[in-house]
């Protein structure tokens, strides 16, 4: 069975939104800065609710923030 990865563009979106800090994003979505860091580093997959809250902060569709892709070997 193929493995899949959840990739994200949070760092890029933060940069294009006034170089928003991880802490500022965390404050807006109700999590810790460490959680945002872990999501950006693909070490933690957010809940669906958190994923939608992050997309809402940037006013983009969920697919513009998170991509579910097959892992390449």
PDB file of N, CA and C in Angstrom:
ATOM      1  N   UNK A   1       0.841  -1.187   0.000  1.00  0.00           N
ATOM      2  CA  UNK A   1       0.000   0.000   0.000  1.00  0.00           C
ATOM      3  C   UNK A   1       0.885   1.248   0.000  1.00  0.00           C
ATOM      4  N   UNK A   2       0.547   2.191  -0.834  1.00  0.00           N
ATOM      5  CA  UNK A   2       1.339   3.416  -0.951  1.00  0.00           C
ATOM      6  C   UNK A   2       1.161   4.292   0.288  1.00  0.00           C
ATOM      7  N   UNK A   3       2.238   4.953   0.658  1.00  0.00           N
ATOM      8  CA  UNK A   3       2.174   5.906   1.760  1.00  0.00           C
ATOM      9  C   UNK A   3       1.907   7.290   1.190  1.00  0.00           C
ATOM     10  N   UNK A   4       1.219   8.099   1.979  1.00  0.00           N
ATOM     11  CA  UNK A   4       0.903   9.456   1.557  1.00  0.00           C
ATOM     12  C   UNK A   4       1.428  10.454   2.577  1.00  0.00           C
ATOM     13  N   UNK A   5       1.767  11.623   2.096  1.00  0.00           N
ATOM     14  CA  UNK A   5       2.239  12.710   2.940  1.00  0.00           C
ATOM     15  C   UNK A   5       1.280  13.883   2.827  1.00  0.00           C
ATOM     16  N   UNK A   6       1.146  14.606   3.913  1.00  0.00           N
ATOM     17  CA  UNK A   6       0.403  15.858   3.857  1.00  0.00           C
ATOM     18  C   UNK A   6       1.433  16.976   3.793  1.00  0.00           C
ATOM     19  N   UNK A   7       1.473  17.639   2.668  1.00  0.00           N
ATOM     20  CA  UNK A   7       2.383  18.775   2.491  1.00  0.00           C
ATOM     21  C   UNK A   7       1.593  20.051   2.727  1.00  0.00           C
ATOM     22  N   UNK A   8       2.310  21.141   3.026  1.00  0.00           N
ATOM     23  CA  UNK A   8       1.596  22.397   3.243  1.00  0.00           C
ATOM     24  C   UNK A   8       2.420  23.583   2.757  1.00  0.00           C
ATOM     25  N   UNK A   9       1.723  24.691   2.584  1.00  0.00           N
ATOM     26  CA  UNK A   9       2.338  25.925   2.108  1.00  0.00           C
ATOM     27  C   UNK A   9       2.237  27.031   3.170  1.00  0.00           C
ATOM     28  N   UNK A  10       2.151  26.628   4.429  1.00  0.00           N
ATOM     29  CA  UNK A  10       1.945  27.611   5.492  1.00  0.00           C
ATOM     30  C   UNK A  10       3.071  28.633   5.543  1.00  0.00           C
ATOM     31  N   UNK A  11       4.307  28.191   5.457  1.00  0.00           N
ATOM     32  CA  UNK A  11       5.439  29.128   5.527  1.00  0.00           C
ATOM     33  C   UNK A  11       5.333  30.168   4.414  1.00  0.00           C
ATOM     34  N   UNK A  12       5.045  29.737   3.210  1.00  0.00           N
ATOM     35  CA  UNK A  12       4.907  30.656   2.073  1.00  0.00           C
ATOM     36  C   UNK A  12       3.736  31.611   2.291  1.00  0.00           C
ATOM     37  N   UNK A  13       2.613  31.076   2.748  1.00  0.00           N
ATOM     38  CA  UNK A  13       1.450  31.922   3.001  1.00  0.00           C
ATOM     39  C   UNK A  13       1.748  32.954   4.092  1.00  0.00           C
ATOM     40  N   UNK A  14       2.462  32.546   5.124  1.00  0.00           N
ATOM     41  CA  UNK A  14       2.823  33.503   6.176  1.00  0.00           C
ATOM     42  C   UNK A  14       3.711  34.610   5.607  1.00  0.00           C
ATOM     43  N   UNK A  15       4.661  34.227   4.769  1.00  0.00           N
ATOM     44  CA  UNK A  15       5.574  35.200   4.171  1.00  0.00           C
ATOM     45  C   UNK A  15       4.806  36.219   3.329  1.00  0.00           C
ATOM     46  N   UNK A  16       3.853  35.730   2.543  1.00  0.00           N
ATOM     47  CA  UNK A  16       3.076  36.616   1.661  1.00  0.00           C
ATOM     48  C   UNK A  16       1.988  37.393   2.395  1.00  0.00           C
ATOM     49  N   UNK A  17       1.829  37.132   3.665  1.00  0.00           N
ATOM     50  CA  UNK A  17       0.866  37.870   4.481  1.00  0.00           C
ATOM     51  C   UNK A  17       1.614  38.687   5.519  1.00  0.00           C
ATOM     52  N   UNK A  18       2.471  39.550   5.036  1.00  0.00           N
ATOM     53  CA  UNK A  18       3.200  40.469   5.903  1.00  0.00           C
ATOM     54  C   UNK A  18       4.240  39.804   6.774  1.00  0.00           C
ATOM     55  N   UNK A  19       4.785  38.684   6.287  1.00  0.00           N
ATOM     56  CA  UNK A  19       5.769  37.919   7.052  1.00  0.00           C
ATOM     57  C   UNK A  19       5.232  37.591   8.450  1.00  0.00           C
ATOM     58  N   UNK A  20       3.990  37.118   8.466  1.00  0.00           N
ATOM     59  CA  UNK A  20       3.328  36.718   9.704  1.00  0.00           C
ATOM     60  C   UNK A  20       4.195  35.707  10.454  1.00  0.00           C
ATOM     61  N   UNK A  21       4.294  35.876  11.749  1.00  0.00           N
ATOM     62  CA  UNK A  21       5.076  34.937  12.554  1.00  0.00           C
ATOM     63  C   UNK A  21       4.268  33.682  12.844  1.00  0.00           C
ATOM     64  N   UNK A  22       4.969  32.635  13.214  1.00  0.00           N
ATOM     65  CA  UNK A  22       4.285  31.414  13.639  1.00  0.00           C
ATOM     66  C   UNK A  22       3.400  31.718  14.845  1.00  0.00           C
ATOM     67  N   UNK A  23       3.886  32.566  15.750  1.00  0.00           N
ATOM     68  CA  UNK A  23       3.108  32.903  16.941  1.00  0.00           C
ATOM     69  C   UNK A  23       1.821  33.637  16.581  1.00  0.00           C
ATOM     70  N   UNK A  24       1.905  34.569  15.628  1.00  0.00           N
ATOM     71  CA  UNK A  24       0.712  35.313  15.216  1.00  0.00           C
ATOM     72  C   UNK A  24      -0.336  34.370  14.627  1.00  0.00           C
ATOM     73  N   UNK A  25       0.106  33.430  13.803  1.00  0.00           N
ATOM     74  CA  UNK A  25      -0.825  32.458  13.229  1.00  0.00           C
ATOM     75  C   UNK A  25      -1.402  31.573  14.331  1.00  0.00           C
ATOM     76  N   UNK A  26      -0.542  31.119  15.218  1.00  0.00           N
ATOM     77  CA  UNK A  26      -0.991  30.272  16.328  1.00  0.00           C
ATOM     78  C   UNK A  26      -2.053  30.977  17.160  1.00  0.00           C
ATOM     79  N   UNK A  27      -1.837  32.243  17.442  1.00  0.00           N
ATOM     80  CA  UNK A  27      -2.801  33.021  18.231  1.00  0.00           C
ATOM     81  C   UNK A  27      -4.153  33.102  17.516  1.00  0.00           C
ATOM     82  N   UNK A  28      -4.124  33.256  16.194  1.00  0.00           N
ATOM     83  CA  UNK A  28      -5.368  33.399  15.431  1.00  0.00           C
ATOM     84  C   UNK A  28      -6.158  32.099  15.335  1.00  0.00           C
ATOM     85  N   UNK A  29      -5.461  30.961  15.361  1.00  0.00           N
ATOM     86  CA  UNK A  29      -6.168  29.680  15.211  1.00  0.00           C
ATOM     87  C   UNK A  29      -6.307  28.921  16.525  1.00  0.00           C
ATOM     88  N   UNK A  30      -5.740  29.461  17.608  1.00  0.00           N
ATOM     89  CA  UNK A  30      -5.941  28.869  18.928  1.00  0.00           C
ATOM     90  C   UNK A  30      -5.076  27.677  19.276  1.00  0.00           C
ATOM     91  N   UNK A  31      -3.836  27.674  18.777  1.00  0.00           N
ATOM     92  CA  UNK A  31      -2.882  26.617  19.138  1.00  0.00           C
ATOM     93  C   UNK A  31      -1.562  27.261  19.557  1.00  0.00           C
ATOM     94  N   UNK A  32      -0.590  26.447  19.920  1.00  0.00           N
ATOM     95  CA  UNK A  32       0.723  26.978  20.306  1.00  0.00           C
ATOM     96  C   UNK A  32       1.589  27.213  19.075  1.00  0.00           C
ATOM     97  N   UNK A  33       2.611  28.040  19.250  1.00  0.00           N
ATOM     98  CA  UNK A  33       3.577  28.259  18.173  1.00  0.00           C
ATOM     99  C   UNK A  33       4.240  26.939  17.804  1.00  0.00           C
ATOM    100  N   UNK A  34       4.496  26.097  18.798  1.00  0.00           N
ATOM    101  CA  UNK A  34       5.141  24.802  18.543  1.00  0.00           C
ATOM    102  C   UNK A  34       4.286  23.916  17.638  1.00  0.00           C
ATOM    103  N   UNK A  35       2.970  24.017  17.780  1.00  0.00           N
ATOM    104  CA  UNK A  35       2.080  23.248  16.910  1.00  0.00           C
ATOM    105  C   UNK A  35       2.197  23.719  15.470  1.00  0.00           C
ATOM    106  N   UNK A  36       2.209  25.024  15.266  1.00  0.00           N
ATOM    107  CA  UNK A  36       2.374  25.564  13.908  1.00  0.00           C
ATOM    108  C   UNK A  36       3.715  25.117  13.331  1.00  0.00           C
ATOM    109  N   UNK A  37       4.767  25.187  14.137  1.00  0.00           N
ATOM    110  CA  UNK A  37       6.095  24.752  13.690  1.00  0.00           C
ATOM    111  C   UNK A  37       6.058  23.282  13.264  1.00  0.00           C
ATOM    112  N   UNK A  38       5.433  22.432  14.077  1.00  0.00           N
ATOM    113  CA  UNK A  38       5.370  21.001  13.761  1.00  0.00           C
ATOM    114  C   UNK A  38       4.569  20.739  12.494  1.00  0.00           C
ATOM    115  N   UNK A  39       3.490  21.484  12.288  1.00  0.00           N
ATOM    116  CA  UNK A  39       2.693  21.322  11.061  1.00  0.00           C
ATOM    117  C   UNK A  39       3.523  21.747   9.853  1.00  0.00           C
ATOM    118  N   UNK A  40       4.186  22.897   9.944  1.00  0.00           N
ATOM    119  CA  UNK A  40       5.018  23.370   8.822  1.00  0.00           C
ATOM    120  C   UNK A  40       6.102  22.367   8.477  1.00  0.00           C
ATOM    121  N   UNK A  41       6.674  21.722   9.491  1.00  0.00           N
ATOM    122  CA  UNK A  41       7.762  20.770   9.280  1.00  0.00           C
ATOM    123  C   UNK A  41       7.254  19.381   8.902  1.00  0.00           C
ATOM    124  N   UNK A  42       5.945  19.240   8.727  1.00  0.00           N
ATOM    125  CA  UNK A  42       5.315  17.959   8.376  1.00  0.00           C
ATOM    126  C   UNK A  42       5.581  16.887   9.424  1.00  0.00           C
ATOM    127  N   UNK A  43       5.727  17.306  10.676  1.00  0.00           N
ATOM    128  CA  UNK A  43       5.916  16.370  11.775  1.00  0.00           C
ATOM    129  C   UNK A  43       4.602  16.111  12.510  1.00  0.00           C
ATOM    130  N   UNK A  44       3.583  16.869  12.161  1.00  0.00           N
ATOM    131  CA  UNK A  44       2.276  16.746  12.803  1.00  0.00           C
ATOM    132  C   UNK A  44       1.211  17.093  11.778  1.00  0.00           C
ATOM    133  N   UNK A  45       0.169  16.260  11.713  1.00  0.00           N
ATOM    134  CA  UNK A  45      -0.957  16.539  10.816  1.00  0.00           C
ATOM    135  C   UNK A  45      -2.075  17.168  11.633  1.00  0.00           C
ATOM    136  N   UNK A  46      -2.544  18.322  11.216  1.00  0.00           N
ATOM    137  CA  UNK A  46      -3.590  19.002  11.983  1.00  0.00           C
ATOM    138  C   UNK A  46      -4.937  18.295  11.846  1.00  0.00           C
ATOM    139  N   UNK A  47      -5.797  18.563  12.806  1.00  0.00           N
ATOM    140  CA  UNK A  47      -7.180  18.081  12.676  1.00  0.00           C
ATOM    141  C   UNK A  47      -7.808  18.796  11.485  1.00  0.00           C
ATOM    142  N   UNK A  48      -8.894  18.258  11.008  1.00  0.00           N
ATOM    143  CA  UNK A  48      -9.598  18.889   9.897  1.00  0.00           C
ATOM    144  C   UNK A  48     -10.076  20.282  10.295  1.00  0.00           C
ATOM    145  N   UNK A  49     -10.565  20.412  11.530  1.00  0.00           N
ATOM    146  CA  UNK A  49     -11.023  21.713  12.009  1.00  0.00           C
ATOM    147  C   UNK A  49      -9.886  22.733  12.019  1.00  0.00           C
ATOM    148  N   UNK A  50      -8.726  22.339  12.519  1.00  0.00           N
ATOM    149  CA  UNK A  50      -7.581  23.256  12.547  1.00  0.00           C
ATOM    150  C   UNK A  50      -7.127  23.607  11.137  1.00  0.00           C
ATOM    151  N   UNK A  51      -7.136  22.630  10.249  1.00  0.00           N
ATOM    152  CA  UNK A  51      -6.747  22.891   8.859  1.00  0.00           C
ATOM    153  C   UNK A  51      -7.659  23.953   8.233  1.00  0.00           C
ATOM    154  N   UNK A  52      -8.961  23.836   8.468  1.00  0.00           N
ATOM    155  CA  UNK A  52      -9.898  24.835   7.941  1.00  0.00           C
ATOM    156  C   UNK A  52      -9.670  26.203   8.584  1.00  0.00           C
ATOM    157  N   UNK A  53      -9.360  26.236   9.886  1.00  0.00           N
ATOM    158  CA  UNK A  53      -9.109  27.520  10.551  1.00  0.00           C
ATOM    159  C   UNK A  53      -7.865  28.192   9.969  1.00  0.00           C
ATOM    160  N   UNK A  54      -6.833  27.403   9.683  1.00  0.00           N
ATOM    161  CA  UNK A  54      -5.613  27.969   9.084  1.00  0.00           C
ATOM    162  C   UNK A  54      -5.936  28.538   7.701  1.00  0.00           C
ATOM    163  N   UNK A  55      -6.659  27.785   6.891  1.00  0.00           N
ATOM    164  CA  UNK A  55      -7.038  28.269   5.553  1.00  0.00           C
ATOM    165  C   UNK A  55      -7.854  29.549   5.656  1.00  0.00           C
ATOM    166  N   UNK A  56      -8.736  29.622   6.638  1.00  0.00           N
ATOM    167  CA  UNK A  56      -9.586  30.808   6.801  1.00  0.00           C
ATOM    168  C   UNK A  56      -8.764  32.043   7.143  1.00  0.00           C
ATOM    169  N   UNK A  57      -7.703  31.880   7.940  1.00  0.00           N
ATOM    170  CA  UNK A  57      -6.844  33.013   8.277  1.00  0.00           C
ATOM    171  C   UNK A  57      -6.272  33.635   7.005  1.00  0.00           C
ATOM    172  N   UNK A  58      -5.858  32.785   6.070  1.00  0.00           N
ATOM    173  CA  UNK A  58      -5.256  33.275   4.827  1.00  0.00           C
ATOM    174  C   UNK A  58      -6.292  33.547   3.734  1.00  0.00           C
ATOM    175  N   UNK A  59      -7.554  33.249   4.031  1.00  0.00           N
ATOM    176  CA  UNK A  59      -8.650  33.461   3.081  1.00  0.00           C
ATOM    177  C   UNK A  59      -8.407  32.743   1.763  1.00  0.00           C
ATOM    178  N   UNK A  60      -8.004  31.472   1.874  1.00  0.00           N
ATOM    179  CA  UNK A  60      -7.774  30.625   0.696  1.00  0.00           C
ATOM    180  C   UNK A  60      -8.467  29.282   0.932  1.00  0.00           C
ATOM    181  N   UNK A  61      -8.711  28.534  -0.143  1.00  0.00           N
ATOM    182  CA  UNK A  61      -9.299  27.202   0.022  1.00  0.00           C
ATOM    183  C   UNK A  61      -8.332  26.259   0.741  1.00  0.00           C
ATOM    184  N   UNK A  62      -8.866  25.259   1.381  1.00  0.00           N
ATOM    185  CA  UNK A  62      -8.053  24.278   2.096  1.00  0.00           C
ATOM    186  C   UNK A  62      -6.952  23.698   1.205  1.00  0.00           C
ATOM    187  N   UNK A  63      -7.285  23.451  -0.060  1.00  0.00           N
ATOM    188  CA  UNK A  63      -6.317  22.851  -0.993  1.00  0.00           C
ATOM    189  C   UNK A  63      -5.130  23.770  -1.284  1.00  0.00           C
ATOM    190  N   UNK A  64      -5.281  25.063  -1.031  1.00  0.00           N
ATOM    191  CA  UNK A  64      -4.173  25.994  -1.237  1.00  0.00           C
ATOM    192  C   UNK A  64      -3.185  25.937  -0.075  1.00  0.00           C
ATOM    193  N   UNK A  65      -3.607  25.335   1.032  1.00  0.00           N
ATOM    194  CA  UNK A  65      -2.736  25.235   2.211  1.00  0.00           C
ATOM    195  C   UNK A  65      -2.175  23.831   2.359  1.00  0.00           C
ATOM    196  N   UNK A  66      -3.018  22.834   2.168  1.00  0.00           N
ATOM    197  CA  UNK A  66      -2.598  21.433   2.389  1.00  0.00           C
ATOM    198  C   UNK A  66      -2.788  20.599   1.124  1.00  0.00           C
ATOM    199  N   UNK A  67      -1.799  19.749   0.858  1.00  0.00           N
ATOM    200  CA  UNK A  67      -1.846  18.841  -0.286  1.00  0.00           C
ATOM    201  C   UNK A  67      -1.554  17.436   0.230  1.00  0.00           C
ATOM    202  N   UNK A  68      -2.360  16.483  -0.189  1.00  0.00           N
ATOM    203  CA  UNK A  68      -2.217  15.082   0.189  1.00  0.00           C
ATOM    204  C   UNK A  68      -1.600  14.363  -1.001  1.00  0.00           C
ATOM    205  N   UNK A  69      -0.319  13.991  -0.864  1.00  0.00           N
ATOM    206  CA  UNK A  69       0.427  13.455  -2.007  1.00  0.00           C
ATOM    207  C   UNK A  69       1.058  12.111  -1.684  1.00  0.00           C
ATOM    208  N   UNK A  70       1.200  11.248  -2.704  1.00  0.00           N
ATOM    209  CA  UNK A  70       1.897   9.997  -2.471  1.00  0.00           C
ATOM    210  C   UNK A  70       3.365  10.257  -2.134  1.00  0.00           C
ATOM    211  N   UNK A  71       3.885   9.468  -1.210  1.00  0.00           N
ATOM    212  CA  UNK A  71       5.298   9.585  -0.837  1.00  0.00           C
ATOM    213  C   UNK A  71       6.125   8.918  -1.925  1.00  0.00           C
ATOM    214  N   UNK A  72       7.167   9.610  -2.359  1.00  0.00           N
ATOM    215  CA  UNK A  72       8.048   9.039  -3.376  1.00  0.00           C
ATOM    216  C   UNK A  72       9.229   8.382  -2.695  1.00  0.00           C
ATOM    217  N   UNK A  73       9.614   7.220  -3.199  1.00  0.00           N
ATOM    218  CA  UNK A  73      10.716   6.473  -2.569  1.00  0.00           C
ATOM    219  C   UNK A  73      12.052   6.892  -3.096  1.00  0.00           C
TER     220      UNK A  73
END
